[in-house]
Amino acid sequence: MKHSKQIRQQALLAIAIAAVLPASVHATNGYFSHGFGARSQAVAGVSMALPQDGLIAASNPAGISALGNRLDVGASVFRPSRGAEIAGNFAGANGRYHGNDTQYFLIPEFAYIRHLDNDLTVGLAIYGNGGMNTDYRTNPLAAFGSTGAAGVNLEQLFITPSVSWQVTDKHAFGAAVTLAHQTFEMQGVSAFDNPFFSASPGKVSNNGEASARGAGVKLGWTGQLSPTLTLGAAWSSRINMDKFDRYAGLFAEEGAFDIPATYGLGVAWKSGDALTLAADWQHIEYASIKSVANPLQNLLVGNALGTRYGGGFGWKDINVTKLGAVYQYTDSLVLRAGISRAEQPIPASETFFNILAPGTIRDHVSAGATWVTATGGEWSLSYTHALKETVKGQGSIPMPFGGGEANIHLKEDILTVGYTFKL
């Protein structure tokens, strides 16, 4: 009875934290986070076969079987630097534009794991899946008739209850339900908010914050093939979200903005007693979401914004490769480092509209550590630098908008601190 009461109290604490956590603005691999939790972020997001804390459920729910009862809390300070340059434009838009009027973002996270018996484990993870923010005080679209400041704010919060079954002492299978909440706001693109460009004029720009909810599933597996070698695999379904009704004239399919499916593979190899090397491969299906993938050119051949094939951001599917190392320096100190590289989701021909969403990052470099205190608690720290990546436009600004090129760029710094309570 006492044990059951303790579980209920911890579950209520988890729900309370879920209710107050805000969503994130976290554009790294496209507009998805590169990793979840301080420990995974310290190895550039590697996690599929390398469970290190309760946030593993965000990547591979089978991984919770490998960890003890625990409560992980943390927060990231995220600083992106984003902007654009327009050159050769006959409409008068030439210039350099900085989208950094808002500079810092705080992104909290939470995870809980409880073993019900030797084989069955449950968990709860609450985290920001991703997002995008630009904040241009000087509007890069002013020459085309837009007024005021310009920018977007997309935030995604995921709540993921999970369960994992240790089928044998070497293999575990996990499943999770993902409850997603996302918000969106667009401002400063009134040049497109008219019957010529949009099927729903008045629902393109400056309509305040819109919200949407949806649900999906995650499935995962981990297998220890030898004492030194572990493999992992996971899949997250597409999440069908409510439509952003306030922006039905902007996004394809009358405001639809679903969250794409992802899947991946991982390997972890223990080299001696102290060093573990690990790698992940991940695929993100941005091209399956029409509001993200439709090219802007569609707008110029009769497909108005808000329609099924209405002009969009032109993003492609991407593959992400991540490499990481974990070194047990002493009994109380663990060191970590990692690198990752992603394909570019934004084609050079699509940079004009993506001035508002320059998710150009390809390369991450990260490092971090965990320190075990005398009382058994664990402090974790990670720092990630996403190298500046510029996409130079090629035929990017259509002639009806004066031609020329839009070049977009983004770089980021992320500092994450976490604390683990062993239960």
Protein backbone atom coordinates (compact mmCIF):
# COMPACT_ATOMS: atom_id res chain seq x y z
CA MET A 1 0.00 0.00 0.00
CA LYS A 2 2.80 2.37 0.90
CA HIS A 3 4.54 1.56 -2.40
CA SER A 4 1.34 2.23 -4.39
CA LYS A 5 0.80 5.53 -2.58
CA GLN A 6 4.35 6.61 -3.44
CA ILE A 7 3.80 5.82 -7.12
CA ARG A 8 0.54 7.83 -7.15
CA GLN A 9 2.26 10.80 -5.51
CA GLN A 10 5.07 10.73 -8.05
CA ALA A 11 2.59 10.47 -10.92
CA LEU A 12 0.65 13.47 -9.59
CA LEU A 13 3.90 15.42 -9.41
CA ALA A 14 4.60 14.53 -13.04
CA ILE A 15 1.16 15.70 -14.13
CA ALA A 16 1.54 18.95 -12.21
CA ILE A 17 4.86 19.66 -13.90
CA ALA A 18 3.34 18.82 -17.29
CA ALA A 19 0.62 21.40 -16.73
CA VAL A 20 3.02 24.28 -16.20
CA LEU A 21 5.82 23.52 -18.67
CA PRO A 22 5.85 25.82 -21.70
CA ALA A 23 6.60 24.62 -25.19
CA SER A 24 9.91 25.22 -26.89
CA VAL A 25 11.48 27.22 -29.66
CA HIS A 26 14.19 24.83 -30.75
CA ALA A 27 15.22 24.80 -34.41
CA THR A 28 18.19 22.50 -34.92
CA ASN A 29 17.66 19.59 -37.36
CA GLY A 30 15.13 21.45 -39.44
CA TYR A 31 12.70 22.53 -36.73
CA PHE A 32 13.17 19.38 -34.59
CA SER A 33 15.43 19.27 -31.54
CA HIS A 34 18.77 17.51 -32.06
CA GLY A 35 18.49 15.72 -28.69
CA PHE A 36 16.46 15.40 -25.50
CA GLY A 37 18.00 15.73 -22.05
CA ALA A 38 21.39 17.09 -21.02
CA ARG A 39 23.15 13.75 -21.44
CA SER A 40 21.89 13.04 -24.95
CA GLN A 41 22.52 16.62 -26.03
CA ALA A 42 26.12 16.30 -24.80
CA VAL A 43 26.67 13.53 -27.37
CA ALA A 44 24.96 15.51 -30.18
CA GLY A 45 21.63 13.75 -29.68
CA VAL A 46 22.81 10.12 -29.81
CA SER A 47 20.26 7.99 -27.94
CA MET A 48 18.70 5.09 -29.91
CA ALA A 49 20.97 2.44 -28.36
CA LEU A 50 22.38 4.61 -25.57
CA PRO A 51 19.76 5.26 -22.86
CA GLN A 52 21.21 7.71 -20.31
CA ASP A 53 18.19 9.31 -18.61
CA GLY A 54 14.40 9.28 -18.64
CA LEU A 55 14.23 11.52 -21.73
CA ILE A 56 15.20 8.41 -23.75
CA ALA A 57 11.45 7.85 -24.14
CA ALA A 58 11.38 10.80 -26.53
CA SER A 59 13.67 8.88 -28.91
CA ASN A 60 13.28 5.18 -28.11
CA PRO A 61 10.75 4.09 -25.45
CA ALA A 62 12.40 0.67 -25.15
CA GLY A 63 15.36 2.39 -23.51
CA ILE A 64 13.54 2.99 -20.23
CA SER A 65 13.98 -0.70 -19.36
CA ALA A 66 17.74 -0.18 -19.09
CA LEU A 67 17.48 2.54 -16.42
CA GLY A 68 16.56 2.43 -12.77
CA ASN A 69 13.75 4.25 -11.00
CA ARG A 70 14.47 7.94 -11.41
CA LEU A 71 13.24 11.49 -11.83
CA ASP A 72 15.09 13.73 -14.30
CA VAL A 73 14.50 17.48 -14.51
CA GLY A 74 16.35 20.03 -16.57
CA ALA A 75 16.26 23.18 -18.66
CA SER A 76 18.05 24.58 -21.69
CA VAL A 77 18.97 28.15 -22.45
CA PHE A 78 18.73 28.42 -26.22
CA ARG A 79 20.18 31.29 -28.24
CA PRO A 80 19.68 31.28 -32.02
CA SER A 81 21.14 33.86 -34.39
CA ARG A 82 19.08 34.07 -37.57
CA GLY A 83 18.84 36.43 -40.49
CA ALA A 84 18.78 37.02 -44.22
CA GLU A 85 20.21 39.06 -47.06
CA ILE A 86 18.38 40.12 -50.21
CA ALA A 87 20.37 41.16 -53.26
CA GLY A 88 19.58 42.02 -56.89
CA ASN A 89 15.94 42.77 -56.19
CA PHE A 90 14.23 45.37 -58.41
CA ALA A 91 11.37 45.97 -55.94
CA GLY A 92 13.67 47.69 -53.46
CA ALA A 93 14.05 44.88 -50.89
CA ASN A 94 17.84 44.71 -51.01
CA GLY A 95 19.58 44.70 -47.64
CA ARG A 96 20.66 42.70 -44.61
CA TYR A 97 17.99 41.70 -42.10
CA HIS A 98 18.42 40.38 -38.57
CA GLY A 99 15.68 38.25 -37.02
CA ASN A 100 17.05 38.38 -33.47
CA ASP A 101 14.80 40.85 -31.70
CA THR A 102 14.09 38.00 -29.27
CA GLN A 103 17.43 36.46 -28.33
CA TYR A 104 17.04 33.90 -25.52
CA PHE A 105 14.61 31.06 -24.90
CA LEU A 106 14.21 28.82 -21.83
CA ILE A 107 13.22 25.20 -22.54
CA PRO A 108 12.40 22.98 -19.52
CA GLU A 109 12.10 19.19 -19.60
CA PHE A 110 11.06 16.39 -17.26
CA ALA A 111 11.15 12.59 -17.16
CA TYR A 112 10.11 9.87 -14.73
CA ILE A 113 10.78 6.11 -14.77
CA ARG A 114 9.32 3.41 -12.50
CA HIS A 115 9.88 -0.37 -12.72
CA LEU A 116 6.65 -2.20 -11.89
CA ASP A 117 8.38 -5.58 -11.79
CA ASN A 118 11.46 -7.25 -13.29
CA ASP A 119 10.08 -7.07 -16.82
CA LEU A 120 7.65 -4.14 -17.02
CA THR A 121 8.69 -0.47 -16.83
CA VAL A 122 6.62 2.70 -17.23
CA GLY A 123 7.71 6.26 -17.77
CA LEU A 124 6.63 9.79 -18.53
CA ALA A 125 8.62 12.36 -20.52
CA ILE A 126 7.68 16.00 -21.08
CA TYR A 127 9.80 18.01 -23.48
CA GLY A 128 9.91 20.47 -26.34
CA ASN A 129 10.05 18.53 -29.59
CA GLY A 130 11.06 21.52 -31.68
CA GLY A 131 10.02 24.86 -33.06
CA MET A 132 11.05 27.93 -34.97
CA ASN A 133 11.26 31.64 -34.18
CA THR A 134 12.22 34.71 -36.18
CA ASP A 135 11.71 38.26 -35.00
CA TYR A 136 12.57 40.93 -37.61
CA ARG A 137 12.23 44.48 -36.36
CA THR A 138 12.99 45.68 -39.91
CA ASN A 139 10.58 43.80 -42.15
CA PRO A 140 12.34 42.10 -45.10
CA LEU A 141 8.99 42.00 -46.94
CA ALA A 142 8.22 45.71 -46.54
CA ALA A 143 9.13 46.47 -50.16
CA PHE A 144 6.31 44.15 -51.27
CA GLY A 145 3.65 45.88 -49.17
CA SER A 146 3.98 44.22 -45.76
CA THR A 147 3.91 46.45 -42.69
CA GLY A 148 5.16 46.27 -39.11
CA ALA A 149 7.64 43.82 -37.63
CA ALA A 150 7.86 40.38 -39.24
CA GLY A 151 8.41 36.86 -38.00
CA VAL A 152 7.02 33.52 -36.95
CA ASN A 153 6.82 31.65 -33.66
CA LEU A 154 6.22 27.89 -33.76
CA GLU A 155 6.36 25.90 -30.50
CA GLN A 156 5.84 22.18 -29.91
CA LEU A 157 5.32 20.52 -26.53
CA PHE A 158 5.21 16.71 -26.28
CA ILE A 159 3.91 14.68 -23.33
CA THR A 160 4.93 11.04 -23.77
CA PRO A 161 3.78 8.30 -21.38
CA SER A 162 5.65 5.09 -22.20
CA VAL A 163 5.86 1.40 -21.33
CA SER A 164 8.65 -1.09 -21.98
CA TRP A 165 8.74 -4.86 -21.71
CA GLN A 166 12.02 -6.67 -21.08
CA VAL A 167 11.27 -9.72 -23.22
CA THR A 168 14.58 -11.42 -22.40
CA ASP A 169 17.62 -10.27 -20.47
CA LYS A 170 19.00 -8.99 -23.82
CA HIS A 171 15.98 -7.52 -25.63
CA ALA A 172 13.35 -4.93 -24.76
CA PHE A 173 10.39 -3.55 -26.70
CA GLY A 174 8.78 -0.21 -25.92
CA ALA A 175 5.70 1.74 -26.90
CA ALA A 176 4.51 5.24 -26.11
CA VAL A 177 1.66 7.61 -26.82
CA THR A 178 2.68 11.15 -27.72
CA LEU A 179 0.27 13.93 -26.82
CA ALA A 180 1.30 17.00 -28.80
CA HIS A 181 0.43 20.65 -28.30
CA GLN A 182 1.70 23.25 -30.72
CA THR A 183 1.22 26.98 -31.08
CA PHE A 184 1.89 29.27 -34.02
CA GLU A 185 1.91 32.96 -34.74
CA MET A 186 2.77 34.85 -37.93
CA GLN A 187 3.16 38.59 -38.31
CA GLY A 188 4.35 41.05 -40.92
CA VAL A 189 3.38 39.23 -44.14
CA SER A 190 0.33 41.31 -45.05
CA ALA A 191 1.61 41.50 -48.64
CA PHE A 192 0.24 37.96 -49.08
CA ASP A 193 -2.99 38.56 -47.17
CA ASN A 194 -5.29 39.32 -50.09
CA PRO A 195 -7.54 37.44 -52.56
CA PHE A 196 -4.80 37.36 -55.21
CA PHE A 197 -2.48 35.21 -53.07
CA SER A 198 -4.70 33.52 -50.47
CA ALA A 199 -7.85 31.41 -50.59
CA SER A 200 -8.79 32.82 -47.17
CA PRO A 201 -7.83 36.50 -47.00
CA GLY A 202 -7.62 37.75 -43.45
CA LYS A 203 -6.20 34.44 -42.22
CA VAL A 204 -2.59 34.82 -43.28
CA SER A 205 -0.90 37.24 -40.90
CA ASN A 206 -1.24 39.11 -37.60
CA ASN A 207 -4.00 36.95 -36.15
CA GLY A 208 -2.36 36.28 -32.80
CA GLU A 209 -1.40 32.92 -31.37
CA ALA A 210 -3.18 29.82 -32.69
CA SER A 211 -2.98 26.44 -30.97
CA ALA A 212 -3.51 22.84 -32.06
CA ARG A 213 -3.48 19.40 -30.44
CA GLY A 214 -2.90 15.90 -31.68
CA ALA A 215 -1.64 12.44 -30.74
CA GLY A 216 0.68 9.83 -32.17
CA VAL A 217 2.60 6.70 -31.19
CA LYS A 218 6.23 5.67 -30.75
CA LEU A 219 7.64 2.14 -30.99
CA GLY A 220 11.15 1.04 -30.11
CA TRP A 221 13.53 -1.86 -29.57
CA THR A 222 16.90 -2.33 -27.90
CA GLY A 223 18.98 -5.48 -28.16
CA GLN A 224 22.27 -6.39 -26.52
CA LEU A 225 24.00 -8.57 -29.09
CA SER A 226 27.10 -9.08 -26.96
CA PRO A 227 28.50 -7.77 -23.66
CA THR A 228 29.98 -4.82 -25.60
CA LEU A 229 27.49 -4.23 -28.44
CA THR A 230 23.93 -2.84 -28.22
CA LEU A 231 21.61 -1.95 -31.09
CA GLY A 232 18.44 0.16 -31.09
CA ALA A 233 15.65 1.11 -33.47
CA ALA A 234 12.64 3.40 -33.13
CA TRP A 235 9.77 4.86 -35.11
CA SER A 236 7.49 7.80 -34.34
CA SER A 237 4.26 8.11 -36.29
CA ARG A 238 3.01 11.17 -38.08
CA ILE A 239 0.90 13.23 -35.68
CA ASN A 240 -2.30 14.53 -37.20
CA MET A 241 -2.89 17.89 -35.56
CA ASP A 242 -5.91 20.14 -35.34
CA LYS A 243 -5.78 22.85 -37.97
CA PHE A 244 -4.59 26.38 -37.27
CA ASP A 245 -7.92 27.99 -38.14
CA ARG A 246 -6.55 31.49 -37.62
CA TYR A 247 -4.02 30.78 -40.37
CA ALA A 248 -6.25 28.84 -42.77
CA GLY A 249 -5.22 31.26 -45.52
CA LEU A 250 -1.50 30.61 -45.01
CA PHE A 251 -0.89 26.89 -44.59
CA ALA A 252 -1.91 24.29 -47.15
CA GLU A 253 -5.14 22.34 -46.59
CA GLU A 254 -6.80 25.25 -44.77
CA GLY A 255 -4.33 25.60 -41.93
CA ALA A 256 -3.07 22.03 -41.55
CA PHE A 257 0.34 21.67 -39.93
CA ASP A 258 0.87 18.03 -38.95
CA ILE A 259 4.06 16.78 -37.28
CA PRO A 260 6.05 14.47 -39.58
CA ALA A 261 7.02 10.87 -38.87
CA THR A 262 10.58 9.97 -37.92
CA TYR A 263 12.51 6.74 -37.62
CA GLY A 264 16.07 5.73 -36.87
CA LEU A 265 18.71 3.18 -35.92
CA GLY A 266 21.44 3.28 -33.31
CA VAL A 267 24.49 1.37 -32.12
CA ALA A 268 26.53 1.56 -28.91
CA TRP A 269 29.87 -0.16 -28.43
CA LYS A 270 31.60 -0.44 -25.07
CA SER A 271 35.35 -0.22 -25.59
CA GLY A 272 36.88 -1.35 -22.31
CA ASP A 273 35.55 -0.48 -18.88
CA ALA A 274 35.47 3.31 -19.28
CA LEU A 275 34.70 4.28 -22.90
CA THR A 276 31.48 3.86 -24.86
CA LEU A 277 31.19 4.93 -28.50
CA ALA A 278 27.75 5.33 -30.07
CA ALA A 279 26.09 6.45 -33.29
CA ASP A 280 22.57 7.17 -34.55
CA TRP A 281 20.98 7.57 -37.95
CA GLN A 282 17.63 9.39 -38.11
CA HIS A 283 15.21 10.17 -40.95
CA ILE A 284 12.67 13.03 -40.71
CA GLU A 285 9.80 13.09 -43.24
CA TYR A 286 9.29 16.82 -43.74
CA ALA A 287 8.26 16.26 -47.38
CA SER A 288 5.10 14.43 -46.27
CA ILE A 289 3.62 17.63 -44.76
CA LYS A 290 2.16 19.77 -47.55
CA SER A 291 2.25 23.04 -45.63
CA VAL A 292 5.98 22.52 -45.11
CA ALA A 293 6.91 20.83 -48.40
CA ASN A 294 4.87 22.57 -51.12
CA PRO A 295 7.21 24.85 -53.11
CA LEU A 296 6.54 28.58 -53.26
CA GLN A 297 6.36 28.28 -57.05
CA ASN A 298 2.93 26.63 -56.63
CA LEU A 299 1.61 30.05 -55.67
CA LEU A 300 2.48 31.45 -59.08
CA VAL A 301 0.69 28.74 -61.07
CA GLY A 302 -2.73 29.17 -59.53
CA ASN A 303 -2.44 27.36 -56.19
CA ALA A 304 -3.36 30.01 -53.64
CA LEU A 305 -2.10 29.90 -50.07
CA GLY A 306 -4.36 27.77 -47.91
CA THR A 307 -5.33 25.33 -50.68
CA ARG A 308 -4.16 21.71 -50.88
CA TYR A 309 -1.26 22.56 -53.18
CA GLY A 310 -0.82 26.14 -52.06
CA GLY A 311 2.65 27.63 -52.00
CA GLY A 312 4.74 26.75 -48.95
CA PHE A 313 8.30 26.47 -47.70
CA GLY A 314 9.58 23.73 -50.04
CA TRP A 315 11.29 21.60 -47.37
CA LYS A 316 12.67 18.12 -48.16
CA ASP A 317 13.10 14.96 -46.07
CA ILE A 318 16.43 14.82 -44.28
CA ASN A 319 18.78 12.23 -42.82
CA VAL A 320 20.77 13.00 -39.68
CA THR A 321 23.94 11.18 -38.58
CA LYS A 322 25.13 11.51 -34.97
CA LEU A 323 28.33 10.30 -33.29
CA GLY A 324 29.09 10.39 -29.57
CA ALA A 325 31.52 9.23 -26.89
CA VAL A 326 30.93 8.67 -23.15
CA TYR A 327 33.94 8.31 -20.85
CA GLN A 328 33.72 7.24 -17.19
CA TYR A 329 36.60 9.38 -15.93
CA THR A 330 36.08 8.52 -12.25
CA ASP A 331 33.34 6.86 -10.21
CA SER A 332 31.72 10.27 -9.76
CA LEU A 333 32.52 11.99 -13.07
CA VAL A 334 31.38 11.10 -16.60
CA LEU A 335 32.58 13.06 -19.64
CA ARG A 336 30.76 13.27 -22.98
CA ALA A 337 31.27 14.71 -26.47
CA GLY A 338 29.58 14.40 -29.85
CA ILE A 339 29.12 15.68 -33.38
CA SER A 340 26.22 15.43 -35.80
CA ARG A 341 25.50 16.31 -39.41
CA ALA A 342 22.13 16.71 -41.12
CA GLU A 343 21.11 17.09 -44.72
CA GLN A 344 19.83 20.50 -45.75
CA PRO A 345 15.99 20.63 -45.73
CA ILE A 346 15.78 23.96 -47.60
CA PRO A 347 16.60 23.95 -51.34
CA ALA A 348 18.44 26.98 -52.72
CA SER A 349 15.37 27.79 -54.82
CA GLU A 350 13.15 28.12 -51.70
CA THR A 351 15.01 30.67 -49.59
CA PHE A 352 12.63 33.61 -50.19
CA PHE A 353 9.71 32.35 -48.08
CA ASN A 354 12.17 30.73 -45.66
CA ILE A 355 13.45 34.13 -44.60
CA LEU A 356 10.67 33.62 -42.04
CA ALA A 357 11.81 30.08 -41.12
CA PRO A 358 15.56 29.69 -41.80
CA GLY A 359 16.02 26.18 -40.39
CA THR A 360 19.36 25.81 -42.16
CA ILE A 361 21.49 24.15 -39.45
CA ARG A 362 23.48 21.08 -40.49
CA ASP A 363 26.35 20.60 -38.03
CA HIS A 364 26.38 20.34 -34.23
CA VAL A 365 29.36 20.05 -31.88
CA SER A 366 28.65 19.26 -28.23
CA ALA A 367 30.28 18.37 -24.92
CA GLY A 368 29.17 17.79 -21.36
CA ALA A 369 29.57 15.93 -18.09
CA THR A 370 27.72 14.32 -15.20
CA TRP A 371 28.85 14.66 -11.59
CA VAL A 372 27.52 12.31 -8.89
CA THR A 373 27.11 14.08 -5.55
CA ALA A 374 27.88 12.61 -2.13
CA THR A 375 24.14 12.15 -1.52
CA GLY A 376 23.65 10.19 -4.76
CA GLY A 377 22.04 12.90 -6.87
CA GLU A 378 23.49 13.59 -10.30
CA TRP A 379 24.14 16.96 -11.95
CA SER A 380 24.48 16.96 -15.74
CA LEU A 381 25.65 19.76 -18.00
CA SER A 382 25.89 20.05 -21.77
CA TYR A 383 26.85 22.72 -24.26
CA THR A 384 26.01 22.54 -27.96
CA HIS A 385 27.17 24.84 -30.72
CA ALA A 386 25.30 24.60 -34.02
CA LEU A 387 27.66 25.95 -36.64
CA LYS A 388 26.48 28.82 -38.82
CA GLU A 389 24.94 27.54 -42.03
CA THR A 390 24.00 29.79 -44.95
CA VAL A 391 21.80 28.76 -47.86
CA LYS A 392 22.41 31.04 -50.83
CA GLY A 393 19.41 31.48 -53.06
CA GLN A 394 19.39 30.31 -56.66
CA GLY A 395 16.42 31.66 -58.59
CA SER A 396 14.81 32.15 -55.21
CA ILE A 397 12.79 35.38 -55.59
CA PRO A 398 10.16 35.11 -58.34
CA MET A 399 10.10 37.91 -60.94
CA PRO A 400 6.63 39.11 -59.82
CA PHE A 401 8.44 40.08 -56.58
CA GLY A 402 11.33 41.77 -58.38
CA GLY A 403 13.70 38.83 -58.80
CA GLY A 404 17.11 38.57 -57.20
CA GLU A 405 18.23 36.26 -54.44
CA ALA A 406 17.50 35.69 -50.76
CA ASN A 407 20.32 34.23 -48.68
CA ILE A 408 19.37 32.90 -45.23
CA HIS A 409 21.46 31.82 -42.26
CA LEU A 410 21.23 30.39 -38.74
CA LYS A 411 23.60 29.47 -35.92
CA GLU A 412 22.81 28.44 -32.33
CA ASP A 413 24.18 27.95 -28.85
CA ILE A 414 22.45 25.69 -26.32
CA LEU A 415 23.36 25.29 -22.64
CA THR A 416 21.48 22.58 -20.73
CA VAL A 417 21.53 21.73 -17.03
CA GLY A 418 19.83 18.68 -15.55
CA TYR A 419 19.47 16.96 -12.19
CA THR A 420 18.63 13.31 -11.52
CA PHE A 421 16.90 12.00 -8.39
CA LYS A 422 17.42 8.26 -7.90
CA LEU A 423 14.18 6.78 -6.51
